Amino acid sequence: MRKIFNYLAAGFVVFALASCQDETGASQDNSIVTESSSTTAFTATVVSVFSNISVEDLNYGSFGIMYTDSEDAGELFSDWKNGDKSVMGKIKNKPITSHSSDGRAKITITGLDPETTYYFCAYFQSEDQSRRKIGKIGTFTTRKFTVTIRN
């Protein structure tokens, strides 16, 4: 009976740990959810919701989208979350300056390369940088650049 209990307990621990990580291994926070993303050849627009964040942090923290075309995105974003500033050479971020009262923010990233897959996640960072949160890592692929000539 004790052996069965140990197996059940071990299974629960594995399940609990797996539910806090996405497929890239980066620990995510369920209070940050990306609702949608859309792209053109050079831009991406992401709508994210930041919930369960204190009023002080809403007023003084920073929010935005981190993105990279590196397949190591999960590791890079996780390193940033853990305070490693050296990864900022490999990832870019687009901070937001405003959000709606329900925590919803629409963020447009410009200057992207056409036909490129990018990995992204929404982030929150407290003013003193002591608390960092990231949402689930997603992907978007920019469209093909085409030129239409009309007479």
N, C-alpha and C. Protein backbone atom coordinates (compact mmCIF):
# COMPACT_ATOMS: atom_id res chain seq x y z
N MET A 1 0.83 -1.20 0.00
CA MET A 1 0.00 0.00 0.00
C MET A 1 0.87 1.26 0.00
N ARG A 2 1.94 1.22 0.76
CA ARG A 2 2.83 2.37 0.84
C ARG A 2 3.48 2.64 -0.51
N LYS A 3 3.82 1.58 -1.24
CA LYS A 3 4.45 1.71 -2.55
C LYS A 3 3.50 2.41 -3.53
N ILE A 4 2.23 2.04 -3.50
CA ILE A 4 1.23 2.68 -4.38
C ILE A 4 1.11 4.16 -4.04
N PHE A 5 1.08 4.48 -2.76
CA PHE A 5 1.00 5.87 -2.33
C PHE A 5 2.21 6.66 -2.83
N ASN A 6 3.40 6.09 -2.75
CA ASN A 6 4.61 6.77 -3.22
C ASN A 6 4.55 7.04 -4.72
N TYR A 7 4.05 6.05 -5.48
CA TYR A 7 3.91 6.25 -6.92
C TYR A 7 2.90 7.36 -7.24
N LEU A 8 1.79 7.36 -6.51
CA LEU A 8 0.79 8.41 -6.71
C LEU A 8 1.35 9.79 -6.37
N ALA A 9 2.08 9.87 -5.27
CA ALA A 9 2.67 11.14 -4.86
C ALA A 9 3.70 11.61 -5.88
N ALA A 10 4.52 10.72 -6.38
CA ALA A 10 5.53 11.07 -7.38
C ALA A 10 4.85 11.54 -8.66
N GLY A 11 3.78 10.85 -9.06
CA GLY A 11 3.05 11.25 -10.26
C GLY A 11 2.44 12.62 -10.11
N PHE A 12 1.89 12.93 -8.94
CA PHE A 12 1.32 14.25 -8.69
C PHE A 12 2.38 15.34 -8.78
N VAL A 13 3.55 15.10 -8.22
CA VAL A 13 4.64 16.08 -8.27
C VAL A 13 5.06 16.33 -9.71
N VAL A 14 5.21 15.27 -10.50
CA VAL A 14 5.59 15.43 -11.90
C VAL A 14 4.53 16.22 -12.65
N PHE A 15 3.25 15.90 -12.43
CA PHE A 15 2.16 16.62 -13.07
C PHE A 15 2.18 18.10 -12.68
N ALA A 16 2.38 18.39 -11.41
CA ALA A 16 2.40 19.77 -10.94
C ALA A 16 3.54 20.55 -11.57
N LEU A 17 4.70 19.94 -11.67
CA LEU A 17 5.84 20.62 -12.30
C LEU A 17 5.60 20.82 -13.79
N ALA A 18 5.06 19.84 -14.46
CA ALA A 18 4.82 19.94 -15.90
C ALA A 18 3.79 21.01 -16.21
N SER A 19 2.82 21.22 -15.35
CA SER A 19 1.78 22.20 -15.62
C SER A 19 2.30 23.63 -15.53
N CYS A 20 3.46 23.84 -14.97
CA CYS A 20 4.03 25.19 -14.85
C CYS A 20 5.04 25.49 -15.94
N GLN A 21 5.24 24.57 -16.88
CA GLN A 21 6.20 24.79 -17.93
C GLN A 21 5.56 24.54 -19.28
N ASP A 22 6.01 25.29 -20.28
CA ASP A 22 5.52 25.01 -21.61
C ASP A 22 6.48 24.06 -22.30
N GLU A 23 6.26 23.80 -23.58
CA GLU A 23 7.06 22.80 -24.29
C GLU A 23 8.53 23.19 -24.41
N THR A 24 8.89 24.45 -24.23
CA THR A 24 10.29 24.85 -24.32
C THR A 24 10.99 24.81 -22.97
N GLY A 25 10.26 24.54 -21.89
CA GLY A 25 10.86 24.42 -20.58
C GLY A 25 10.87 25.70 -19.77
N ALA A 26 10.36 26.80 -20.31
CA ALA A 26 10.36 28.06 -19.57
C ALA A 26 9.16 28.10 -18.62
N SER A 27 9.42 28.43 -17.38
CA SER A 27 8.36 28.51 -16.38
C SER A 27 7.47 29.71 -16.70
N GLN A 28 6.18 29.49 -16.72
CA GLN A 28 5.26 30.55 -17.09
C GLN A 28 4.34 30.91 -15.93
N ASP A 29 3.74 32.07 -16.03
CA ASP A 29 2.81 32.55 -15.03
C ASP A 29 1.42 32.60 -15.65
N ASN A 30 0.47 31.95 -15.03
CA ASN A 30 -0.88 31.89 -15.58
C ASN A 30 -1.64 33.21 -15.51
N SER A 31 -1.08 34.24 -14.88
CA SER A 31 -1.75 35.53 -14.82
C SER A 31 -1.45 36.37 -16.06
N ILE A 32 -0.66 35.83 -16.98
CA ILE A 32 -0.36 36.52 -18.24
C ILE A 32 -0.80 35.59 -19.38
N VAL A 33 -1.77 36.05 -20.15
CA VAL A 33 -2.33 35.21 -21.21
C VAL A 33 -2.32 35.99 -22.52
N THR A 34 -1.83 35.37 -23.57
CA THR A 34 -1.88 35.98 -24.89
C THR A 34 -3.17 35.52 -25.56
N GLU A 35 -3.98 36.50 -25.96
CA GLU A 35 -5.26 36.19 -26.60
C GLU A 35 -5.14 35.95 -28.09
N SER A 36 -4.32 36.75 -28.76
CA SER A 36 -4.23 36.61 -30.21
C SER A 36 -2.95 37.24 -30.73
N SER A 37 -2.59 36.84 -31.96
CA SER A 37 -1.49 37.49 -32.66
C SER A 37 -1.81 37.48 -34.15
N SER A 38 -1.39 38.52 -34.84
CA SER A 38 -1.57 38.61 -36.28
C SER A 38 -0.31 39.23 -36.86
N THR A 39 -0.03 38.90 -38.14
CA THR A 39 1.22 39.37 -38.73
C THR A 39 1.02 39.93 -40.13
N THR A 40 2.00 40.72 -40.54
CA THR A 40 2.20 41.11 -41.93
C THR A 40 3.62 40.66 -42.26
N ALA A 41 4.18 41.15 -43.35
CA ALA A 41 5.56 40.77 -43.69
C ALA A 41 6.56 41.38 -42.72
N PHE A 42 6.23 42.56 -42.13
CA PHE A 42 7.20 43.26 -41.30
C PHE A 42 6.73 43.56 -39.88
N THR A 43 5.47 43.22 -39.55
CA THR A 43 4.95 43.54 -38.23
C THR A 43 4.18 42.35 -37.63
N ALA A 44 4.05 42.40 -36.32
CA ALA A 44 3.20 41.46 -35.60
C ALA A 44 2.45 42.25 -34.54
N THR A 45 1.19 41.94 -34.36
CA THR A 45 0.38 42.57 -33.32
C THR A 45 -0.08 41.48 -32.37
N VAL A 46 0.20 41.66 -31.10
CA VAL A 46 -0.12 40.67 -30.08
C VAL A 46 -1.04 41.33 -29.05
N VAL A 47 -2.10 40.63 -28.67
CA VAL A 47 -3.00 41.10 -27.61
C VAL A 47 -2.81 40.18 -26.42
N SER A 48 -2.40 40.75 -25.30
CA SER A 48 -2.18 39.97 -24.07
C SER A 48 -2.98 40.56 -22.93
N VAL A 49 -3.28 39.72 -21.96
CA VAL A 49 -4.00 40.15 -20.76
C VAL A 49 -3.12 39.88 -19.56
N PHE A 50 -2.92 40.91 -18.76
CA PHE A 50 -2.13 40.83 -17.54
C PHE A 50 -3.11 40.92 -16.37
N SER A 51 -3.33 39.81 -15.67
CA SER A 51 -4.30 39.81 -14.56
C SER A 51 -3.60 39.42 -13.26
N ASN A 52 -4.30 39.61 -12.16
CA ASN A 52 -3.77 39.28 -10.83
C ASN A 52 -2.44 39.96 -10.54
N ILE A 53 -2.31 41.19 -10.98
CA ILE A 53 -1.09 41.96 -10.72
C ILE A 53 -1.51 43.13 -9.84
N SER A 54 -0.75 43.38 -8.79
CA SER A 54 -1.14 44.38 -7.81
C SER A 54 -1.27 45.77 -8.44
N VAL A 55 -2.06 46.62 -7.82
CA VAL A 55 -2.27 47.99 -8.31
C VAL A 55 -0.95 48.74 -8.39
N GLU A 56 -0.10 48.57 -7.39
CA GLU A 56 1.21 49.24 -7.40
C GLU A 56 2.02 48.81 -8.61
N ASP A 57 2.03 47.49 -8.88
CA ASP A 57 2.79 47.00 -10.03
C ASP A 57 2.17 47.47 -11.34
N LEU A 58 0.84 47.53 -11.40
CA LEU A 58 0.20 48.04 -12.61
C LEU A 58 0.63 49.48 -12.88
N ASN A 59 0.81 50.26 -11.82
CA ASN A 59 1.19 51.66 -11.97
C ASN A 59 2.68 51.86 -12.21
N TYR A 60 3.53 51.01 -11.64
CA TYR A 60 4.96 51.27 -11.70
C TYR A 60 5.79 50.18 -12.37
N GLY A 61 5.20 49.02 -12.63
CA GLY A 61 5.95 47.95 -13.29
C GLY A 61 5.99 48.16 -14.79
N SER A 62 6.70 47.30 -15.48
CA SER A 62 6.75 47.39 -16.94
C SER A 62 6.21 46.10 -17.55
N PHE A 63 5.55 46.26 -18.68
CA PHE A 63 4.91 45.17 -19.38
C PHE A 63 5.34 45.22 -20.83
N GLY A 64 5.24 44.09 -21.50
CA GLY A 64 5.54 44.09 -22.92
C GLY A 64 5.63 42.69 -23.48
N ILE A 65 6.26 42.62 -24.65
CA ILE A 65 6.47 41.36 -25.36
C ILE A 65 7.97 41.20 -25.58
N MET A 66 8.49 40.02 -25.25
CA MET A 66 9.86 39.65 -25.60
C MET A 66 9.76 38.73 -26.81
N TYR A 67 10.70 38.85 -27.73
CA TYR A 67 10.65 38.00 -28.92
C TYR A 67 12.05 37.75 -29.46
N THR A 68 12.18 36.64 -30.18
CA THR A 68 13.44 36.25 -30.80
C THR A 68 13.15 35.26 -31.91
N ASP A 69 14.08 35.15 -32.85
CA ASP A 69 13.94 34.11 -33.87
C ASP A 69 14.79 32.89 -33.51
N SER A 70 15.40 32.90 -32.35
CA SER A 70 16.22 31.79 -31.87
C SER A 70 15.34 30.64 -31.37
N GLU A 71 15.69 29.43 -31.75
CA GLU A 71 14.95 28.26 -31.28
C GLU A 71 15.21 27.99 -29.79
N ASP A 72 16.16 28.68 -29.19
CA ASP A 72 16.45 28.56 -27.75
C ASP A 72 15.61 29.55 -26.95
N ALA A 73 14.49 30.00 -27.49
CA ALA A 73 13.69 31.04 -26.85
C ALA A 73 13.30 30.69 -25.42
N GLY A 74 12.87 29.46 -25.19
CA GLY A 74 12.44 29.06 -23.84
C GLY A 74 13.54 29.26 -22.82
N GLU A 75 14.74 28.86 -23.17
CA GLU A 75 15.87 29.03 -22.27
C GLU A 75 16.23 30.51 -22.10
N LEU A 76 16.20 31.26 -23.19
CA LEU A 76 16.52 32.69 -23.11
C LEU A 76 15.52 33.44 -22.23
N PHE A 77 14.23 33.18 -22.44
CA PHE A 77 13.20 33.86 -21.66
C PHE A 77 13.28 33.46 -20.18
N SER A 78 13.56 32.19 -19.93
CA SER A 78 13.70 31.71 -18.56
C SER A 78 14.91 32.37 -17.88
N ASP A 79 16.01 32.49 -18.62
CA ASP A 79 17.20 33.16 -18.06
C ASP A 79 16.89 34.61 -17.72
N TRP A 80 16.15 35.30 -18.61
CA TRP A 80 15.76 36.69 -18.33
C TRP A 80 14.92 36.74 -17.06
N LYS A 81 13.96 35.82 -16.95
CA LYS A 81 13.09 35.80 -15.78
C LYS A 81 13.90 35.63 -14.49
N ASN A 82 14.99 34.87 -14.58
CA ASN A 82 15.84 34.63 -13.42
C ASN A 82 16.87 35.73 -13.20
N GLY A 83 16.80 36.83 -13.97
CA GLY A 83 17.66 37.99 -13.73
C GLY A 83 18.90 38.09 -14.59
N ASP A 84 19.08 37.22 -15.56
CA ASP A 84 20.27 37.24 -16.41
C ASP A 84 20.09 38.32 -17.49
N LYS A 85 20.81 39.42 -17.36
CA LYS A 85 20.69 40.53 -18.31
C LYS A 85 21.48 40.28 -19.60
N SER A 86 22.38 39.31 -19.59
CA SER A 86 23.21 39.06 -20.77
C SER A 86 22.39 38.53 -21.95
N VAL A 87 21.21 37.99 -21.71
CA VAL A 87 20.40 37.46 -22.81
C VAL A 87 19.76 38.55 -23.64
N MET A 88 19.79 39.79 -23.18
CA MET A 88 19.15 40.87 -23.92
C MET A 88 19.82 41.13 -25.26
N GLY A 89 21.00 40.60 -25.48
CA GLY A 89 21.63 40.69 -26.80
C GLY A 89 21.01 39.72 -27.79
N LYS A 90 20.32 38.69 -27.29
CA LYS A 90 19.74 37.66 -28.15
C LYS A 90 18.23 37.78 -28.27
N ILE A 91 17.62 38.53 -27.37
CA ILE A 91 16.17 38.74 -27.45
C ILE A 91 15.89 40.23 -27.53
N LYS A 92 14.74 40.55 -28.08
CA LYS A 92 14.31 41.94 -28.15
C LYS A 92 13.03 42.06 -27.34
N ASN A 93 12.73 43.25 -26.95
CA ASN A 93 11.47 43.44 -26.25
C ASN A 93 10.79 44.71 -26.73
N LYS A 94 9.49 44.67 -26.65
CA LYS A 94 8.67 45.82 -27.01
C LYS A 94 7.82 46.15 -25.80
N PRO A 95 8.23 47.16 -25.02
CA PRO A 95 7.43 47.52 -23.85
C PRO A 95 6.15 48.23 -24.27
N ILE A 96 5.18 48.21 -23.39
CA ILE A 96 3.94 48.94 -23.63
C ILE A 96 3.88 50.10 -22.66
N THR A 97 3.16 51.11 -23.06
CA THR A 97 3.04 52.28 -22.21
C THR A 97 1.66 52.39 -21.58
N SER A 98 0.69 51.64 -22.11
CA SER A 98 -0.63 51.71 -21.52
C SER A 98 -1.37 50.38 -21.73
N HIS A 99 -2.34 50.17 -20.87
CA HIS A 99 -3.19 48.99 -20.95
C HIS A 99 -4.56 49.39 -20.46
N SER A 100 -5.56 48.60 -20.81
CA SER A 100 -6.92 48.92 -20.36
C SER A 100 -7.08 48.57 -18.89
N SER A 101 -8.18 48.98 -18.32
CA SER A 101 -8.41 48.74 -16.90
C SER A 101 -8.52 47.26 -16.56
N ASP A 102 -8.85 46.43 -17.56
CA ASP A 102 -8.92 44.99 -17.30
C ASP A 102 -7.58 44.29 -17.55
N GLY A 103 -6.51 45.05 -17.79
CA GLY A 103 -5.18 44.48 -17.97
C GLY A 103 -4.86 44.08 -19.39
N ARG A 104 -5.74 44.38 -20.33
CA ARG A 104 -5.54 44.00 -21.73
C ARG A 104 -4.63 45.02 -22.41
N ALA A 105 -3.68 44.51 -23.21
CA ALA A 105 -2.76 45.39 -23.93
C ALA A 105 -2.57 44.87 -25.35
N LYS A 106 -2.57 45.80 -26.29
CA LYS A 106 -2.31 45.48 -27.70
C LYS A 106 -0.93 46.02 -28.04
N ILE A 107 -0.05 45.14 -28.47
CA ILE A 107 1.34 45.50 -28.70
C ILE A 107 1.69 45.21 -30.16
N THR A 108 2.20 46.21 -30.87
CA THR A 108 2.62 46.02 -32.26
C THR A 108 4.14 46.09 -32.33
N ILE A 109 4.70 45.04 -32.89
CA ILE A 109 6.16 44.93 -33.07
C ILE A 109 6.44 45.22 -34.54
N THR A 110 7.36 46.14 -34.80
CA THR A 110 7.71 46.50 -36.18
C THR A 110 9.15 46.13 -36.48
N GLY A 111 9.51 46.19 -37.75
CA GLY A 111 10.89 45.94 -38.15
C GLY A 111 11.27 44.47 -38.19
N LEU A 112 10.30 43.59 -38.36
CA LEU A 112 10.57 42.15 -38.42
C LEU A 112 10.96 41.74 -39.83
N ASP A 113 11.58 40.59 -39.95
CA ASP A 113 11.96 40.05 -41.25
C ASP A 113 10.82 39.23 -41.83
N PRO A 114 10.59 39.34 -43.15
CA PRO A 114 9.54 38.54 -43.78
C PRO A 114 9.85 37.04 -43.73
N GLU A 115 8.81 36.22 -43.72
CA GLU A 115 8.90 34.77 -43.76
C GLU A 115 9.83 34.21 -42.67
N THR A 116 9.69 34.75 -41.48
CA THR A 116 10.52 34.33 -40.36
C THR A 116 9.63 33.93 -39.19
N THR A 117 9.98 32.83 -38.54
CA THR A 117 9.26 32.41 -37.35
C THR A 117 9.90 33.04 -36.12
N TYR A 118 9.07 33.67 -35.32
CA TYR A 118 9.53 34.29 -34.07
C TYR A 118 8.85 33.60 -32.90
N TYR A 119 9.58 33.51 -31.81
CA TYR A 119 9.06 33.00 -30.54
C TYR A 119 8.85 34.21 -29.65
N PHE A 120 7.74 34.25 -28.92
CA PHE A 120 7.46 35.42 -28.10
C PHE A 120 6.76 35.02 -26.82
N CYS A 121 6.83 35.92 -25.85
CA CYS A 121 6.00 35.78 -24.65
C CYS A 121 5.79 37.17 -24.06
N ALA A 122 4.63 37.33 -23.46
CA ALA A 122 4.35 38.57 -22.75
C ALA A 122 5.09 38.52 -21.42
N TYR A 123 5.50 39.68 -20.93
CA TYR A 123 6.24 39.72 -19.67
C TYR A 123 5.76 40.85 -18.78
N PHE A 124 6.06 40.70 -17.50
CA PHE A 124 5.86 41.74 -16.51
C PHE A 124 7.13 41.81 -15.68
N GLN A 125 7.53 43.01 -15.32
CA GLN A 125 8.69 43.21 -14.44
C GLN A 125 8.36 44.33 -13.46
N SER A 126 8.53 44.06 -12.16
CA SER A 126 8.27 45.10 -11.16
C SER A 126 9.28 46.24 -11.32
N GLU A 127 8.94 47.38 -10.78
CA GLU A 127 9.79 48.57 -10.93
C GLU A 127 11.21 48.32 -10.44
N ASP A 128 11.36 47.61 -9.32
CA ASP A 128 12.69 47.35 -8.79
C ASP A 128 13.32 46.09 -9.38
N GLN A 129 12.66 45.46 -10.36
CA GLN A 129 13.12 44.27 -11.07
C GLN A 129 13.25 43.04 -10.17
N SER A 130 12.64 43.08 -9.00
CA SER A 130 12.72 41.94 -8.09
C SER A 130 11.71 40.84 -8.47
N ARG A 131 10.65 41.21 -9.18
CA ARG A 131 9.64 40.23 -9.61
C ARG A 131 9.51 40.29 -11.12
N ARG A 132 9.67 39.14 -11.73
CA ARG A 132 9.50 39.02 -13.18
C ARG A 132 8.58 37.86 -13.47
N LYS A 133 7.69 38.06 -14.41
CA LYS A 133 6.76 37.01 -14.81
C LYS A 133 6.74 36.94 -16.33
N ILE A 134 6.56 35.74 -16.85
CA ILE A 134 6.39 35.58 -18.28
C ILE A 134 5.19 34.69 -18.54
N GLY A 135 4.52 34.94 -19.64
CA GLY A 135 3.39 34.12 -20.05
C GLY A 135 3.86 32.96 -20.89
N LYS A 136 2.92 32.21 -21.39
CA LYS A 136 3.22 31.06 -22.24
C LYS A 136 3.91 31.51 -23.51
N ILE A 137 4.88 30.75 -23.93
CA ILE A 137 5.62 31.07 -25.15
C ILE A 137 4.80 30.66 -26.36
N GLY A 138 4.68 31.60 -27.29
CA GLY A 138 3.97 31.34 -28.53
C GLY A 138 4.86 31.62 -29.72
N THR A 139 4.35 31.36 -30.89
CA THR A 139 5.09 31.65 -32.12
C THR A 139 4.19 32.40 -33.09
N PHE A 140 4.83 33.16 -33.94
CA PHE A 140 4.15 33.72 -35.10
C PHE A 140 5.15 33.74 -36.24
N THR A 141 4.65 33.65 -37.45
CA THR A 141 5.51 33.68 -38.63
C THR A 141 5.06 34.85 -39.49
N THR A 142 6.02 35.70 -39.80
CA THR A 142 5.68 36.85 -40.65
C THR A 142 5.40 36.36 -42.06
N ARG A 143 4.63 37.14 -42.77
CA ARG A 143 4.20 36.76 -44.11
C ARG A 143 5.27 37.04 -45.15
N LYS A 144 5.04 36.51 -46.31
CA LYS A 144 5.93 36.73 -47.44
C LYS A 144 5.75 38.16 -47.92
N PHE A 145 6.85 38.81 -48.27
CA PHE A 145 6.80 40.17 -48.79
C PHE A 145 6.50 40.10 -50.29
N THR A 146 5.45 40.75 -50.70
CA THR A 146 5.09 40.78 -52.12
C THR A 146 4.89 42.22 -52.57
N VAL A 147 5.18 42.44 -53.82
CA VAL A 147 5.00 43.76 -54.43
C VAL A 147 3.97 43.61 -55.56
N THR A 148 2.99 44.48 -55.52
CA THR A 148 1.97 44.48 -56.58
C THR A 148 2.10 45.77 -57.36
N ILE A 149 2.24 45.64 -58.67
CA ILE A 149 2.36 46.81 -59.56
C ILE A 149 1.05 46.98 -60.29
N ARG A 150 0.48 48.16 -60.18
CA ARG A 150 -0.80 48.45 -60.85
C ARG A 150 -0.59 49.57 -61.86
N ASN A 151 -1.24 49.41 -62.98
CA ASN A 151 -1.17 50.44 -64.02
C ASN A 151 -2.31 51.40 -63.91
